[in-house]
Amino acid sequence: MSPVDLFTTASALPDAWSSHLLARVGTAGVKVLRMDGRPLPPETHGAPEVLLVLDGRLELLVAGTAVSVAPGGMYRVPAGTPHAVRPGSHGTLVIVEAPEE
């Protein structure tokens, strides 16, 4: 596999919050997306996911608690935990997720 420029890949996506699968590591998928400040409704997954903020900021509401992830930060959302994106989230995000159980 050749090196991937995450910023270029994210900026070339047609829509914000539309992720692009970059690779698989075992059964986990590694995705990149562009955040544009809009909130997203709550969701819950059957497997944990890891959120890595490359630039900008990710604002979450996780099980009713506000969480802010700065550039270079990582947050792990446990399986079955409701989480939503709060307004103001912007920049480039990498998501590592396993298939739902």
N, C-alpha and C. Protein backbone atom coordinates (compact mmCIF):
# COMPACT_ATOMS: atom_id res chain seq x y z
N MET A 1 0.85 -1.19 0.00
CA MET A 1 0.00 0.00 0.00
C MET A 1 0.88 1.24 0.00
N SER A 2 0.52 2.22 -0.76
CA SER A 2 1.25 3.49 -0.81
C SER A 2 0.81 4.39 0.34
N PRO A 3 1.64 5.35 0.72
CA PRO A 3 1.24 6.30 1.75
C PRO A 3 -0.02 7.07 1.32
N VAL A 4 -0.86 7.40 2.29
CA VAL A 4 -2.09 8.13 2.02
C VAL A 4 -2.02 9.48 2.72
N ASP A 5 -2.26 10.55 1.97
CA ASP A 5 -2.35 11.89 2.56
C ASP A 5 -3.77 12.06 3.08
N LEU A 6 -3.93 12.00 4.39
CA LEU A 6 -5.26 12.03 4.99
C LEU A 6 -5.96 13.35 4.77
N PHE A 7 -5.24 14.45 4.80
CA PHE A 7 -5.85 15.76 4.61
C PHE A 7 -6.37 15.93 3.18
N THR A 8 -5.58 15.52 2.21
CA THR A 8 -6.01 15.60 0.81
C THR A 8 -7.20 14.69 0.56
N THR A 9 -7.15 13.49 1.10
CA THR A 9 -8.26 12.53 0.92
C THR A 9 -9.55 13.08 1.53
N ALA A 10 -9.47 13.61 2.75
CA ALA A 10 -10.65 14.16 3.42
C ALA A 10 -11.20 15.37 2.67
N SER A 11 -10.31 16.26 2.21
CA SER A 11 -10.80 17.47 1.54
C SER A 11 -11.41 17.16 0.17
N ALA A 12 -11.05 16.02 -0.43
CA ALA A 12 -11.59 15.65 -1.74
C ALA A 12 -12.93 14.93 -1.64
N LEU A 13 -13.36 14.58 -0.43
CA LEU A 13 -14.65 13.90 -0.30
C LEU A 13 -15.78 14.82 -0.72
N PRO A 14 -16.80 14.28 -1.36
CA PRO A 14 -17.88 15.13 -1.89
C PRO A 14 -18.71 15.82 -0.81
N ASP A 15 -18.85 15.19 0.35
CA ASP A 15 -19.68 15.76 1.41
C ASP A 15 -18.99 15.63 2.75
N ALA A 16 -19.19 16.63 3.60
CA ALA A 16 -18.73 16.51 4.98
C ALA A 16 -19.50 15.39 5.65
N TRP A 17 -18.87 14.76 6.61
CA TRP A 17 -19.45 13.65 7.37
C TRP A 17 -19.68 12.41 6.52
N SER A 18 -19.12 12.38 5.32
CA SER A 18 -19.19 11.20 4.46
C SER A 18 -17.81 10.54 4.53
N SER A 19 -17.73 9.42 5.25
CA SER A 19 -16.43 8.81 5.46
C SER A 19 -15.97 7.99 4.25
N HIS A 20 -14.66 7.80 4.19
CA HIS A 20 -14.05 7.03 3.10
C HIS A 20 -13.17 5.95 3.75
N LEU A 21 -13.42 4.69 3.41
CA LEU A 21 -12.62 3.59 3.93
C LEU A 21 -11.24 3.64 3.29
N LEU A 22 -10.21 3.74 4.14
CA LEU A 22 -8.83 3.80 3.65
C LEU A 22 -8.18 2.42 3.61
N ALA A 23 -8.44 1.63 4.65
CA ALA A 23 -7.78 0.33 4.76
C ALA A 23 -8.49 -0.52 5.80
N ARG A 24 -8.14 -1.78 5.80
CA ARG A 24 -8.59 -2.71 6.83
C ARG A 24 -7.36 -3.22 7.56
N VAL A 25 -7.49 -3.32 8.88
CA VAL A 25 -6.45 -3.92 9.72
C VAL A 25 -7.15 -5.04 10.47
N GLY A 26 -6.90 -6.26 10.06
CA GLY A 26 -7.70 -7.37 10.57
C GLY A 26 -9.13 -7.15 10.12
N THR A 27 -10.05 -7.16 11.06
CA THR A 27 -11.44 -6.90 10.71
C THR A 27 -11.84 -5.44 10.87
N ALA A 28 -10.94 -4.62 11.44
CA ALA A 28 -11.25 -3.20 11.67
C ALA A 28 -11.07 -2.38 10.40
N GLY A 29 -11.96 -1.41 10.22
CA GLY A 29 -11.85 -0.47 9.11
C GLY A 29 -11.26 0.83 9.59
N VAL A 30 -10.42 1.45 8.77
CA VAL A 30 -9.84 2.76 9.06
C VAL A 30 -10.42 3.73 8.04
N LYS A 31 -11.14 4.75 8.54
CA LYS A 31 -11.82 5.71 7.67
C LYS A 31 -11.36 7.13 7.96
N VAL A 32 -11.53 8.00 6.99
CA VAL A 32 -11.26 9.42 7.17
C VAL A 32 -12.49 10.19 6.73
N LEU A 33 -12.73 11.33 7.39
CA LEU A 33 -13.82 12.20 6.97
C LEU A 33 -13.52 13.64 7.34
N ARG A 34 -14.30 14.51 6.75
CA ARG A 34 -14.19 15.95 6.98
C ARG A 34 -15.39 16.41 7.80
N MET A 35 -15.11 17.11 8.90
CA MET A 35 -16.17 17.66 9.75
C MET A 35 -16.39 19.11 9.37
N ASP A 36 -17.66 19.57 9.37
CA ASP A 36 -17.93 20.93 8.89
C ASP A 36 -18.70 21.81 9.88
N GLY A 37 -18.72 21.44 11.14
CA GLY A 37 -19.38 22.27 12.13
C GLY A 37 -20.81 21.88 12.45
N ARG A 38 -21.44 21.11 11.56
CA ARG A 38 -22.83 20.69 11.79
C ARG A 38 -22.89 19.57 12.82
N PRO A 39 -23.96 19.55 13.62
CA PRO A 39 -24.14 18.44 14.55
C PRO A 39 -24.69 17.22 13.82
N LEU A 40 -24.55 16.07 14.46
CA LEU A 40 -25.13 14.83 13.95
C LEU A 40 -25.96 14.20 15.06
N PRO A 41 -27.04 13.52 14.69
CA PRO A 41 -27.91 12.92 15.70
C PRO A 41 -27.22 11.77 16.44
N PRO A 42 -27.76 11.40 17.58
CA PRO A 42 -27.18 10.29 18.35
C PRO A 42 -27.18 8.99 17.56
N GLU A 43 -26.16 8.17 17.82
CA GLU A 43 -26.07 6.84 17.24
C GLU A 43 -25.42 5.92 18.26
N THR A 44 -25.62 4.63 18.05
CA THR A 44 -25.03 3.61 18.91
C THR A 44 -24.53 2.50 18.01
N HIS A 45 -23.36 1.94 18.34
CA HIS A 45 -22.78 0.86 17.54
C HIS A 45 -22.63 -0.39 18.40
N GLY A 46 -22.66 -1.55 17.77
CA GLY A 46 -22.50 -2.81 18.47
C GLY A 46 -21.06 -3.17 18.76
N ALA A 47 -20.12 -2.33 18.30
CA ALA A 47 -18.69 -2.54 18.54
C ALA A 47 -18.08 -1.18 18.90
N PRO A 48 -16.96 -1.19 19.62
CA PRO A 48 -16.33 0.10 19.95
C PRO A 48 -15.78 0.77 18.70
N GLU A 49 -15.57 2.08 18.80
CA GLU A 49 -14.89 2.81 17.73
C GLU A 49 -13.92 3.78 18.35
N VAL A 50 -12.84 4.05 17.64
CA VAL A 50 -11.83 4.99 18.08
C VAL A 50 -11.86 6.18 17.13
N LEU A 51 -11.91 7.39 17.70
CA LEU A 51 -11.97 8.63 16.94
C LEU A 51 -10.68 9.41 17.16
N LEU A 52 -9.96 9.71 16.07
CA LEU A 52 -8.70 10.42 16.13
C LEU A 52 -8.84 11.76 15.41
N VAL A 53 -8.62 12.85 16.10
CA VAL A 53 -8.75 14.18 15.52
C VAL A 53 -7.38 14.61 14.99
N LEU A 54 -7.28 14.78 13.68
CA LEU A 54 -6.01 15.21 13.08
C LEU A 54 -5.84 16.72 13.17
N ASP A 55 -6.90 17.44 12.84
CA ASP A 55 -6.90 18.89 12.98
C ASP A 55 -8.33 19.33 13.28
N GLY A 56 -8.48 20.54 13.80
CA GLY A 56 -9.79 21.03 14.18
C GLY A 56 -10.15 20.57 15.58
N ARG A 57 -11.42 20.23 15.80
CA ARG A 57 -11.91 19.82 17.12
C ARG A 57 -13.16 18.99 16.94
N LEU A 58 -13.28 17.95 17.75
CA LEU A 58 -14.47 17.10 17.76
C LEU A 58 -15.21 17.34 19.07
N GLU A 59 -16.47 17.74 18.95
CA GLU A 59 -17.32 17.99 20.11
C GLU A 59 -18.38 16.89 20.15
N LEU A 60 -18.39 16.10 21.22
CA LEU A 60 -19.31 14.97 21.34
C LEU A 60 -20.21 15.12 22.55
N LEU A 61 -21.30 14.40 22.50
CA LEU A 61 -22.14 14.17 23.66
C LEU A 61 -22.19 12.65 23.80
N VAL A 62 -21.53 12.12 24.84
CA VAL A 62 -21.40 10.68 25.02
C VAL A 62 -22.15 10.27 26.28
N ALA A 63 -23.22 9.53 26.09
CA ALA A 63 -24.05 9.08 27.22
C ALA A 63 -24.41 10.26 28.12
N GLY A 64 -24.72 11.41 27.50
CA GLY A 64 -25.15 12.59 28.23
C GLY A 64 -24.04 13.48 28.73
N THR A 65 -22.79 13.13 28.51
CA THR A 65 -21.65 13.92 28.97
C THR A 65 -20.95 14.59 27.79
N ALA A 66 -20.69 15.89 27.88
CA ALA A 66 -19.97 16.61 26.84
C ALA A 66 -18.49 16.21 26.85
N VAL A 67 -17.97 15.91 25.66
CA VAL A 67 -16.57 15.52 25.50
C VAL A 67 -16.01 16.36 24.36
N SER A 68 -14.83 16.95 24.58
CA SER A 68 -14.16 17.74 23.55
C SER A 68 -12.81 17.09 23.26
N VAL A 69 -12.54 16.83 21.98
CA VAL A 69 -11.30 16.18 21.59
C VAL A 69 -10.51 17.17 20.72
N ALA A 70 -9.33 17.53 21.19
CA ALA A 70 -8.47 18.52 20.51
C ALA A 70 -7.63 17.85 19.42
N PRO A 71 -6.99 18.66 18.58
CA PRO A 71 -6.11 18.11 17.54
C PRO A 71 -5.05 17.20 18.16
N GLY A 72 -4.84 16.06 17.54
CA GLY A 72 -3.88 15.10 18.05
C GLY A 72 -4.47 14.20 19.12
N GLY A 73 -5.74 14.42 19.48
CA GLY A 73 -6.39 13.64 20.52
C GLY A 73 -7.15 12.46 19.97
N MET A 74 -7.42 11.52 20.87
CA MET A 74 -8.14 10.31 20.52
C MET A 74 -9.20 10.05 21.58
N TYR A 75 -10.34 9.52 21.14
CA TYR A 75 -11.40 9.15 22.07
C TYR A 75 -11.96 7.81 21.64
N ARG A 76 -12.15 6.91 22.62
CA ARG A 76 -12.72 5.59 22.35
C ARG A 76 -14.16 5.57 22.83
N VAL A 77 -15.07 5.27 21.93
CA VAL A 77 -16.49 5.14 22.27
C VAL A 77 -16.76 3.66 22.49
N PRO A 78 -17.13 3.26 23.71
CA PRO A 78 -17.41 1.84 23.96
C PRO A 78 -18.63 1.35 23.17
N ALA A 79 -18.64 0.07 22.88
CA ALA A 79 -19.78 -0.55 22.19
C ALA A 79 -21.04 -0.29 22.99
N GLY A 80 -22.13 0.00 22.28
CA GLY A 80 -23.42 0.20 22.92
C GLY A 80 -23.62 1.53 23.59
N THR A 81 -22.67 2.45 23.45
CA THR A 81 -22.76 3.76 24.10
C THR A 81 -23.35 4.79 23.14
N PRO A 82 -24.47 5.42 23.50
CA PRO A 82 -25.03 6.46 22.62
C PRO A 82 -24.09 7.67 22.58
N HIS A 83 -23.88 8.18 21.38
CA HIS A 83 -23.04 9.37 21.22
C HIS A 83 -23.53 10.18 20.02
N ALA A 84 -23.36 11.50 20.14
CA ALA A 84 -23.78 12.42 19.09
C ALA A 84 -22.69 13.45 18.90
N VAL A 85 -22.61 14.00 17.70
CA VAL A 85 -21.67 15.08 17.41
C VAL A 85 -22.38 16.40 17.70
N ARG A 86 -21.73 17.22 18.53
CA ARG A 86 -22.28 18.53 18.88
C ARG A 86 -21.87 19.58 17.84
N PRO A 87 -22.60 20.69 17.77
CA PRO A 87 -22.24 21.76 16.84
C PRO A 87 -20.81 22.24 17.11
N GLY A 88 -20.15 22.65 16.05
CA GLY A 88 -18.80 23.20 16.17
C GLY A 88 -17.69 22.23 15.85
N SER A 89 -18.02 20.96 15.63
CA SER A 89 -16.99 19.99 15.26
C SER A 89 -16.52 20.30 13.85
N HIS A 90 -15.22 20.46 13.68
CA HIS A 90 -14.67 20.80 12.37
C HIS A 90 -13.26 20.23 12.24
N GLY A 91 -12.83 20.02 11.01
CA GLY A 91 -11.48 19.52 10.75
C GLY A 91 -11.50 18.13 10.15
N THR A 92 -10.44 17.38 10.42
CA THR A 92 -10.25 16.07 9.82
C THR A 92 -10.27 15.01 10.91
N LEU A 93 -11.06 13.97 10.69
CA LEU A 93 -11.26 12.91 11.68
C LEU A 93 -10.94 11.56 11.06
N VAL A 94 -10.22 10.72 11.81
CA VAL A 94 -9.99 9.33 11.42
C VAL A 94 -10.79 8.47 12.38
N ILE A 95 -11.49 7.49 11.83
CA ILE A 95 -12.29 6.56 12.63
C ILE A 95 -11.76 5.15 12.41
N VAL A 96 -11.54 4.45 13.52
CA VAL A 96 -11.15 3.04 13.45
C VAL A 96 -12.31 2.28 14.09
N GLU A 97 -12.93 1.39 13.31
CA GLU A 97 -14.09 0.67 13.81
C GLU A 97 -14.05 -0.79 13.41
N ALA A 98 -14.47 -1.61 14.37
CA ALA A 98 -14.59 -3.04 14.12
C ALA A 98 -15.99 -3.31 13.60
N PRO A 99 -16.19 -4.45 12.95
CA PRO A 99 -17.56 -4.77 12.52
C PRO A 99 -18.47 -4.93 13.72
N GLU A 100 -19.74 -4.62 13.53
CA GLU A 100 -20.71 -4.75 14.61
C GLU A 100 -20.85 -6.20 15.01
N GLU A 101 -20.99 -6.40 16.31
CA GLU A 101 -21.13 -7.78 16.82
C GLU A 101 -22.58 -8.22 16.73
